[in-house]
Amino acid sequence: MLKEFKNFIMTGNVIEFAVAVIMAGAVGGVVNGFVNDIVMPFVGYFTGGVDFADKKIILTEAVVASEGVAEVAEVAIRWGAWVNTLVNLVIVGLIMFLIIKSYNKMKKPVVEAPAAPAGPTQEELLAEIRDLLKK
């Protein structure tokens, strides 16, 4: 069983998948930074200085004690963060589309081998053997 597991792990598909997961994490961090630090400030600028990350619908206000520490946390629907996440999704989808499209262009087209000429049928071979036996 250990030998089978080693063979499974050492196949190219598993290693390529591991690299893809690591790269996806790195690309996700870059895209998050791009959206939060570049795209959303532009969106905020064109919407009159609105910062979507702070947008929320408060369902229950936080209860604050005398020292400024919250005894009960605020309950809110953070729709602005969700908008940021949707923008992340669209940008990641676009990046993945571009990567796959360029990868497919770089791949060499598969050249199909010319079809082998059809050989004689079984009946033709049997007829030929029969004729040779007659001689």
N, C-alpha and C. Protein backbone atom coordinates (compact mmCIF):
# COMPACT_ATOMS: atom_id res chain seq x y z
N MET A 1 0.83 -1.19 0.00
CA MET A 1 0.00 0.00 0.00
C MET A 1 0.88 1.26 0.00
N LEU A 2 1.97 1.22 0.75
CA LEU A 2 2.87 2.36 0.79
C LEU A 2 3.51 2.59 -0.59
N LYS A 3 3.84 1.49 -1.27
CA LYS A 3 4.42 1.62 -2.60
C LYS A 3 3.42 2.23 -3.57
N GLU A 4 2.16 1.81 -3.49
CA GLU A 4 1.12 2.38 -4.36
C GLU A 4 0.94 3.87 -4.08
N PHE A 5 0.98 4.24 -2.79
CA PHE A 5 0.84 5.66 -2.43
C PHE A 5 2.00 6.46 -2.99
N LYS A 6 3.21 5.91 -2.90
CA LYS A 6 4.39 6.60 -3.43
C LYS A 6 4.25 6.79 -4.94
N ASN A 7 3.79 5.75 -5.64
CA ASN A 7 3.59 5.87 -7.09
C ASN A 7 2.53 6.92 -7.42
N PHE A 8 1.48 6.96 -6.61
CA PHE A 8 0.42 7.94 -6.82
C PHE A 8 0.95 9.36 -6.64
N ILE A 9 1.70 9.57 -5.56
CA ILE A 9 2.22 10.91 -5.26
C ILE A 9 3.24 11.35 -6.31
N MET A 10 4.02 10.43 -6.82
CA MET A 10 5.08 10.80 -7.74
C MET A 10 4.62 10.95 -9.18
N THR A 11 3.35 10.70 -9.45
CA THR A 11 2.89 10.91 -10.83
C THR A 11 2.85 12.40 -11.12
N GLY A 12 2.96 12.72 -12.37
CA GLY A 12 3.00 14.13 -12.77
C GLY A 12 1.75 14.90 -12.42
N ASN A 13 0.59 14.27 -12.48
CA ASN A 13 -0.66 14.98 -12.24
C ASN A 13 -0.74 15.51 -10.82
N VAL A 14 -0.33 14.73 -9.84
CA VAL A 14 -0.42 15.16 -8.45
C VAL A 14 0.54 16.30 -8.19
N ILE A 15 1.74 16.21 -8.71
CA ILE A 15 2.73 17.27 -8.50
C ILE A 15 2.27 18.55 -9.19
N GLU A 16 1.76 18.43 -10.41
CA GLU A 16 1.24 19.61 -11.11
C GLU A 16 0.08 20.23 -10.36
N PHE A 17 -0.78 19.40 -9.78
CA PHE A 17 -1.90 19.90 -9.00
C PHE A 17 -1.41 20.65 -7.76
N ALA A 18 -0.40 20.12 -7.09
CA ALA A 18 0.15 20.79 -5.91
C ALA A 18 0.74 22.16 -6.28
N VAL A 19 1.45 22.20 -7.38
CA VAL A 19 2.00 23.49 -7.84
C VAL A 19 0.87 24.45 -8.17
N ALA A 20 -0.19 23.96 -8.80
CA ALA A 20 -1.31 24.82 -9.15
C ALA A 20 -1.99 25.38 -7.91
N VAL A 21 -2.12 24.58 -6.86
CA VAL A 21 -2.75 25.06 -5.63
C VAL A 21 -1.90 26.15 -4.99
N ILE A 22 -0.60 25.94 -4.95
CA ILE A 22 0.30 26.95 -4.37
C ILE A 22 0.25 28.24 -5.20
N MET A 23 0.27 28.11 -6.52
CA MET A 23 0.21 29.29 -7.38
C MET A 23 -1.13 30.01 -7.24
N ALA A 24 -2.21 29.24 -7.07
CA ALA A 24 -3.53 29.86 -6.90
C ALA A 24 -3.57 30.69 -5.63
N GLY A 25 -2.95 30.20 -4.57
CA GLY A 25 -2.89 30.99 -3.33
C GLY A 25 -2.13 32.29 -3.53
N ALA A 26 -1.03 32.21 -4.25
CA ALA A 26 -0.23 33.41 -4.51
C ALA A 26 -1.00 34.39 -5.41
N VAL A 27 -1.63 33.87 -6.45
CA VAL A 27 -2.40 34.73 -7.35
C VAL A 27 -3.58 35.35 -6.60
N GLY A 28 -4.19 34.56 -5.70
CA GLY A 28 -5.30 35.09 -4.90
C GLY A 28 -4.87 36.27 -4.05
N GLY A 29 -3.68 36.17 -3.44
CA GLY A 29 -3.16 37.29 -2.65
C GLY A 29 -2.90 38.52 -3.50
N VAL A 30 -2.34 38.31 -4.67
CA VAL A 30 -2.07 39.43 -5.58
C VAL A 30 -3.38 40.07 -6.03
N VAL A 31 -4.36 39.26 -6.37
CA VAL A 31 -5.64 39.79 -6.82
C VAL A 31 -6.34 40.53 -5.69
N ASN A 32 -6.30 39.98 -4.48
CA ASN A 32 -6.89 40.68 -3.33
C ASN A 32 -6.27 42.06 -3.15
N GLY A 33 -4.94 42.12 -3.20
CA GLY A 33 -4.26 43.40 -3.09
C GLY A 33 -4.64 44.34 -4.21
N PHE A 34 -4.72 43.81 -5.43
CA PHE A 34 -5.09 44.63 -6.59
C PHE A 34 -6.48 45.21 -6.42
N VAL A 35 -7.43 44.36 -6.01
CA VAL A 35 -8.81 44.83 -5.85
C VAL A 35 -8.92 45.83 -4.71
N ASN A 36 -8.38 45.48 -3.55
CA ASN A 36 -8.54 46.34 -2.37
C ASN A 36 -7.74 47.63 -2.46
N ASP A 37 -6.56 47.59 -3.09
CA ASP A 37 -5.68 48.75 -3.08
C ASP A 37 -5.71 49.58 -4.37
N ILE A 38 -6.20 49.02 -5.46
CA ILE A 38 -6.19 49.75 -6.73
C ILE A 38 -7.59 49.91 -7.30
N VAL A 39 -8.32 48.81 -7.49
CA VAL A 39 -9.62 48.88 -8.16
C VAL A 39 -10.66 49.59 -7.30
N MET A 40 -10.82 49.13 -6.05
CA MET A 40 -11.89 49.69 -5.22
C MET A 40 -11.68 51.17 -4.89
N PRO A 41 -10.44 51.67 -4.71
CA PRO A 41 -10.30 53.12 -4.55
C PRO A 41 -10.77 53.90 -5.79
N PHE A 42 -10.53 53.35 -7.00
CA PHE A 42 -11.06 53.99 -8.21
C PHE A 42 -12.58 53.99 -8.19
N VAL A 43 -13.16 52.85 -7.84
CA VAL A 43 -14.62 52.77 -7.77
C VAL A 43 -15.14 53.76 -6.73
N GLY A 44 -14.48 53.82 -5.59
CA GLY A 44 -14.87 54.77 -4.55
C GLY A 44 -14.75 56.21 -5.02
N TYR A 45 -13.72 56.52 -5.77
CA TYR A 45 -13.53 57.86 -6.28
C TYR A 45 -14.67 58.26 -7.21
N PHE A 46 -15.06 57.35 -8.10
CA PHE A 46 -16.11 57.67 -9.06
C PHE A 46 -17.50 57.58 -8.46
N THR A 47 -17.62 57.03 -7.26
CA THR A 47 -18.93 56.99 -6.59
C THR A 47 -18.99 58.01 -5.45
N GLY A 48 -18.13 58.99 -5.49
CA GLY A 48 -18.19 60.07 -4.51
C GLY A 48 -17.46 59.77 -3.20
N GLY A 49 -16.37 59.02 -3.25
CA GLY A 49 -15.57 58.75 -2.06
C GLY A 49 -16.11 57.61 -1.20
N VAL A 50 -16.94 56.76 -1.77
CA VAL A 50 -17.51 55.64 -1.01
C VAL A 50 -16.48 54.52 -0.90
N ASP A 51 -16.28 54.02 0.33
CA ASP A 51 -15.41 52.86 0.55
C ASP A 51 -16.30 51.65 0.77
N PHE A 52 -16.35 50.78 -0.20
CA PHE A 52 -17.27 49.65 -0.13
C PHE A 52 -16.92 48.68 1.00
N ALA A 53 -15.68 48.60 1.40
CA ALA A 53 -15.29 47.66 2.46
C ALA A 53 -16.00 47.99 3.76
N ASP A 54 -16.35 49.24 3.97
CA ASP A 54 -17.00 49.66 5.22
C ASP A 54 -18.52 49.65 5.13
N LYS A 55 -19.08 49.36 3.98
CA LYS A 55 -20.54 49.39 3.82
C LYS A 55 -21.17 48.17 4.46
N LYS A 56 -22.20 48.42 5.27
CA LYS A 56 -22.89 47.32 5.95
C LYS A 56 -24.27 47.77 6.39
N ILE A 57 -25.12 46.79 6.62
CA ILE A 57 -26.44 47.03 7.18
C ILE A 57 -26.39 46.48 8.60
N ILE A 58 -26.51 47.37 9.58
CA ILE A 58 -26.40 46.95 10.98
C ILE A 58 -27.75 46.42 11.45
N LEU A 59 -27.74 45.17 11.90
CA LEU A 59 -28.95 44.56 12.43
C LEU A 59 -29.07 44.80 13.93
N THR A 60 -27.95 44.68 14.64
CA THR A 60 -27.91 44.92 16.08
C THR A 60 -26.64 45.69 16.39
N GLU A 61 -26.78 46.83 17.06
CA GLU A 61 -25.62 47.63 17.45
C GLU A 61 -24.79 46.87 18.49
N ALA A 62 -23.50 47.16 18.52
CA ALA A 62 -22.63 46.57 19.53
C ALA A 62 -22.91 47.23 20.88
N VAL A 63 -22.86 46.45 21.95
CA VAL A 63 -23.01 46.98 23.31
C VAL A 63 -21.61 47.16 23.85
N VAL A 64 -21.28 48.43 24.21
CA VAL A 64 -19.94 48.77 24.65
C VAL A 64 -19.95 49.03 26.15
N ALA A 65 -18.98 48.43 26.85
CA ALA A 65 -18.83 48.65 28.29
C ALA A 65 -18.16 50.00 28.53
N SER A 66 -17.96 50.35 29.78
CA SER A 66 -17.42 51.66 30.12
C SER A 66 -15.98 51.86 29.67
N GLU A 67 -15.19 50.80 29.53
CA GLU A 67 -13.78 50.95 29.11
C GLU A 67 -13.61 50.90 27.59
N GLY A 68 -14.68 50.89 26.83
CA GLY A 68 -14.59 50.86 25.38
C GLY A 68 -14.48 49.47 24.80
N VAL A 69 -14.63 48.45 25.63
CA VAL A 69 -14.56 47.07 25.17
C VAL A 69 -15.99 46.60 24.89
N ALA A 70 -16.19 45.98 23.73
CA ALA A 70 -17.53 45.53 23.36
C ALA A 70 -17.92 44.29 24.15
N GLU A 71 -19.06 44.38 24.85
CA GLU A 71 -19.57 43.22 25.57
C GLU A 71 -20.32 42.31 24.60
N VAL A 72 -21.06 42.92 23.68
CA VAL A 72 -21.78 42.18 22.65
C VAL A 72 -21.35 42.75 21.31
N ALA A 73 -20.90 41.86 20.43
CA ALA A 73 -20.41 42.31 19.13
C ALA A 73 -21.57 42.77 18.24
N GLU A 74 -21.23 43.61 17.32
CA GLU A 74 -22.21 44.12 16.35
C GLU A 74 -22.63 42.99 15.39
N VAL A 75 -23.89 42.96 15.06
CA VAL A 75 -24.40 42.03 14.06
C VAL A 75 -24.76 42.85 12.83
N ALA A 76 -24.07 42.57 11.72
CA ALA A 76 -24.28 43.38 10.52
C ALA A 76 -24.10 42.54 9.27
N ILE A 77 -24.79 42.96 8.23
CA ILE A 77 -24.61 42.36 6.90
C ILE A 77 -23.59 43.23 6.19
N ARG A 78 -22.41 42.68 5.95
CA ARG A 78 -21.31 43.44 5.35
C ARG A 78 -21.37 43.30 3.83
N TRP A 79 -22.29 44.00 3.19
CA TRP A 79 -22.48 43.87 1.77
C TRP A 79 -21.34 44.50 0.98
N GLY A 80 -20.66 45.47 1.53
CA GLY A 80 -19.52 46.09 0.85
C GLY A 80 -18.37 45.12 0.68
N ALA A 81 -18.09 44.32 1.71
CA ALA A 81 -17.04 43.30 1.61
C ALA A 81 -17.43 42.26 0.57
N TRP A 82 -18.73 41.99 0.48
CA TRP A 82 -19.21 41.02 -0.50
C TRP A 82 -19.01 41.57 -1.92
N VAL A 83 -19.22 42.86 -2.11
CA VAL A 83 -18.97 43.49 -3.42
C VAL A 83 -17.48 43.34 -3.77
N ASN A 84 -16.60 43.57 -2.79
CA ASN A 84 -15.16 43.40 -3.03
C ASN A 84 -14.86 41.95 -3.44
N THR A 85 -15.51 41.00 -2.80
CA THR A 85 -15.30 39.59 -3.12
C THR A 85 -15.78 39.28 -4.53
N LEU A 86 -16.90 39.87 -4.94
CA LEU A 86 -17.38 39.66 -6.31
C LEU A 86 -16.41 40.23 -7.34
N VAL A 87 -15.85 41.39 -7.04
CA VAL A 87 -14.86 41.97 -7.95
C VAL A 87 -13.64 41.07 -8.01
N ASN A 88 -13.22 40.51 -6.85
CA ASN A 88 -12.10 39.55 -6.83
C ASN A 88 -12.41 38.36 -7.74
N LEU A 89 -13.61 37.83 -7.63
CA LEU A 89 -14.00 36.67 -8.42
C LEU A 89 -13.93 36.97 -9.91
N VAL A 90 -14.43 38.11 -10.31
CA VAL A 90 -14.42 38.47 -11.73
C VAL A 90 -12.98 38.62 -12.22
N ILE A 91 -12.13 39.25 -11.43
CA ILE A 91 -10.74 39.45 -11.85
C ILE A 91 -9.99 38.12 -11.90
N VAL A 92 -10.19 37.25 -10.91
CA VAL A 92 -9.54 35.94 -10.93
C VAL A 92 -10.03 35.15 -12.13
N GLY A 93 -11.32 35.19 -12.43
CA GLY A 93 -11.84 34.50 -13.60
C GLY A 93 -11.22 35.01 -14.89
N LEU A 94 -11.07 36.32 -14.99
CA LEU A 94 -10.45 36.91 -16.18
C LEU A 94 -9.00 36.47 -16.30
N ILE A 95 -8.26 36.50 -15.20
CA ILE A 95 -6.85 36.10 -15.22
C ILE A 95 -6.73 34.63 -15.61
N MET A 96 -7.56 33.78 -15.03
CA MET A 96 -7.51 32.35 -15.37
C MET A 96 -7.86 32.13 -16.84
N PHE A 97 -8.83 32.87 -17.34
CA PHE A 97 -9.19 32.77 -18.76
C PHE A 97 -8.01 33.13 -19.64
N LEU A 98 -7.33 34.23 -19.31
CA LEU A 98 -6.19 34.67 -20.11
C LEU A 98 -5.04 33.67 -20.03
N ILE A 99 -4.79 33.12 -18.84
CA ILE A 99 -3.71 32.14 -18.69
C ILE A 99 -4.01 30.89 -19.52
N ILE A 100 -5.23 30.38 -19.43
CA ILE A 100 -5.57 29.16 -20.16
C ILE A 100 -5.57 29.42 -21.67
N LYS A 101 -6.05 30.59 -22.06
CA LYS A 101 -6.05 30.92 -23.49
C LYS A 101 -4.63 30.99 -24.03
N SER A 102 -3.71 31.63 -23.29
CA SER A 102 -2.33 31.71 -23.76
C SER A 102 -1.65 30.35 -23.70
N TYR A 103 -1.98 29.53 -22.71
CA TYR A 103 -1.43 28.17 -22.63
C TYR A 103 -1.87 27.34 -23.83
N ASN A 104 -3.12 27.44 -24.20
CA ASN A 104 -3.62 26.69 -25.35
C ASN A 104 -2.98 27.16 -26.65
N LYS A 105 -2.64 28.44 -26.75
CA LYS A 105 -1.97 28.93 -27.96
C LYS A 105 -0.54 28.42 -28.02
N MET A 106 0.11 28.24 -26.86
CA MET A 106 1.50 27.79 -26.84
C MET A 106 1.62 26.30 -27.11
N LYS A 107 0.59 25.54 -26.81
CA LYS A 107 0.65 24.10 -27.05
C LYS A 107 0.77 23.83 -28.53
N LYS A 108 1.61 22.86 -28.85
CA LYS A 108 1.74 22.47 -30.24
C LYS A 108 0.50 21.69 -30.64
N PRO A 109 -0.01 21.96 -31.81
CA PRO A 109 -1.19 21.19 -32.23
C PRO A 109 -0.81 19.72 -32.40
N VAL A 110 -1.71 18.87 -32.01
CA VAL A 110 -1.48 17.44 -32.13
C VAL A 110 -1.64 17.04 -33.58
N VAL A 111 -0.58 16.49 -34.13
CA VAL A 111 -0.60 16.05 -35.52
C VAL A 111 -1.04 14.59 -35.51
N GLU A 112 -2.13 14.36 -36.19
CA GLU A 112 -2.63 13.00 -36.25
C GLU A 112 -1.83 12.21 -37.28
N ALA A 113 -1.49 11.00 -36.89
CA ALA A 113 -0.76 10.13 -37.81
C ALA A 113 -1.68 9.77 -38.98
N PRO A 114 -1.12 9.70 -40.17
CA PRO A 114 -1.97 9.33 -41.30
C PRO A 114 -2.52 7.91 -41.07
N ALA A 115 -3.72 7.74 -41.49
CA ALA A 115 -4.36 6.44 -41.29
C ALA A 115 -3.61 5.38 -42.08
N ALA A 116 -3.39 4.25 -41.43
CA ALA A 116 -2.70 3.14 -42.09
C ALA A 116 -3.59 2.61 -43.21
N PRO A 117 -2.97 2.23 -44.30
CA PRO A 117 -3.79 1.70 -45.39
C PRO A 117 -4.50 0.44 -44.91
N ALA A 118 -5.71 0.33 -45.32
CA ALA A 118 -6.50 -0.82 -44.90
C ALA A 118 -5.91 -2.08 -45.51
N GLY A 119 -5.69 -3.06 -44.66
CA GLY A 119 -5.13 -4.34 -45.12
C GLY A 119 -6.23 -5.22 -45.69
N PRO A 120 -5.82 -6.35 -46.17
CA PRO A 120 -6.83 -7.25 -46.73
C PRO A 120 -7.76 -7.77 -45.64
N THR A 121 -8.96 -8.04 -46.01
CA THR A 121 -9.93 -8.57 -45.06
C THR A 121 -9.63 -10.03 -44.79
N GLN A 122 -10.32 -10.56 -43.80
CA GLN A 122 -10.10 -11.95 -43.43
C GLN A 122 -10.49 -12.89 -44.58
N GLU A 123 -11.54 -12.56 -45.26
CA GLU A 123 -11.97 -13.39 -46.38
C GLU A 123 -10.92 -13.39 -47.50
N GLU A 124 -10.34 -12.21 -47.77
CA GLU A 124 -9.32 -12.12 -48.81
C GLU A 124 -8.09 -12.94 -48.45
N LEU A 125 -7.70 -12.88 -47.17
CA LEU A 125 -6.56 -13.68 -46.73
C LEU A 125 -6.84 -15.17 -46.86
N LEU A 126 -8.04 -15.57 -46.45
CA LEU A 126 -8.40 -16.99 -46.55
C LEU A 126 -8.44 -17.43 -48.01
N ALA A 127 -8.94 -16.58 -48.89
CA ALA A 127 -8.98 -16.91 -50.31
C ALA A 127 -7.57 -17.05 -50.86
N GLU A 128 -6.66 -16.16 -50.42
CA GLU A 128 -5.26 -16.23 -50.87
C GLU A 128 -4.60 -17.51 -50.39
N ILE A 129 -4.84 -17.88 -49.14
CA ILE A 129 -4.29 -19.13 -48.59
C ILE A 129 -4.84 -20.33 -49.37
N ARG A 130 -6.11 -20.31 -49.67
CA ARG A 130 -6.74 -21.38 -50.42
C ARG A 130 -6.09 -21.52 -51.79
N ASP A 131 -5.87 -20.37 -52.44
CA ASP A 131 -5.27 -20.40 -53.77
C ASP A 131 -3.84 -20.92 -53.72
N LEU A 132 -3.09 -20.55 -52.66
CA LEU A 132 -1.73 -21.04 -52.52
C LEU A 132 -1.71 -22.54 -52.26
N LEU A 133 -2.68 -23.05 -51.51
CA LEU A 133 -2.73 -24.48 -51.20
C LEU A 133 -3.10 -25.28 -52.46
N LYS A 134 -3.92 -24.69 -53.33
CA LYS A 134 -4.29 -25.37 -54.58
C LYS A 134 -3.09 -25.57 -55.47
N LYS A 135 -2.16 -24.64 -55.46
CA LYS A 135 -0.98 -24.71 -56.34
C LYS A 135 -0.09 -25.78 -55.80
